């Protein structure tokens, strides 16, 4: 895994072989961020990374100078890896790692974000609850974007705020946008 752009561009980090996470491929991440670069002013963007896994998306966001990135991950091995990588990169308070269940976080979150990225395990039983909770709890700021990574078996085009779907290899991103006020 590598960081595509920004101040940590080209940095590589490899999670242990025993890792259970399925990281977003570099190919998919690079293509997605190429699209987002035309729409987002990273220095003014607050971001939420749900199901942080390896932390790859959070590290990419921090590398691009997002001033506030909240990464939520409950698996102890994953959070340990994220903490270790965060320390190696000397990332400070701009990245907050919360070691907790995403659904518990979503139930209690009172903050809104410019960008929300969610990459739940594809085989998670309550996968479709993730977008429902994000919308129900009104976590997206006006003009903000929510990106849900999923397998081809899912179709979220009938949900409110759906804008489009992007497919990069076996990775599917459903993109939702809250209208500007």
Foldseek 3Di string as FASTA:
>chain_A
DAQPDAPRHPDDDDADPPFPDDDDDPQRVVVVVVVCVVPDDLLDWAEEEEQCRQVRVVVNSVRSNRQAYEYEHADPSNVVNNVVVCVVVVPPHNYHYDRDHRVVCLVPDQEATQEYEYEDPQPDPPLVVVVVSCVVSVRHAAFGKYKYKYFPVDDPCPPPQFDDWDDDPRIIITMGTHHHD
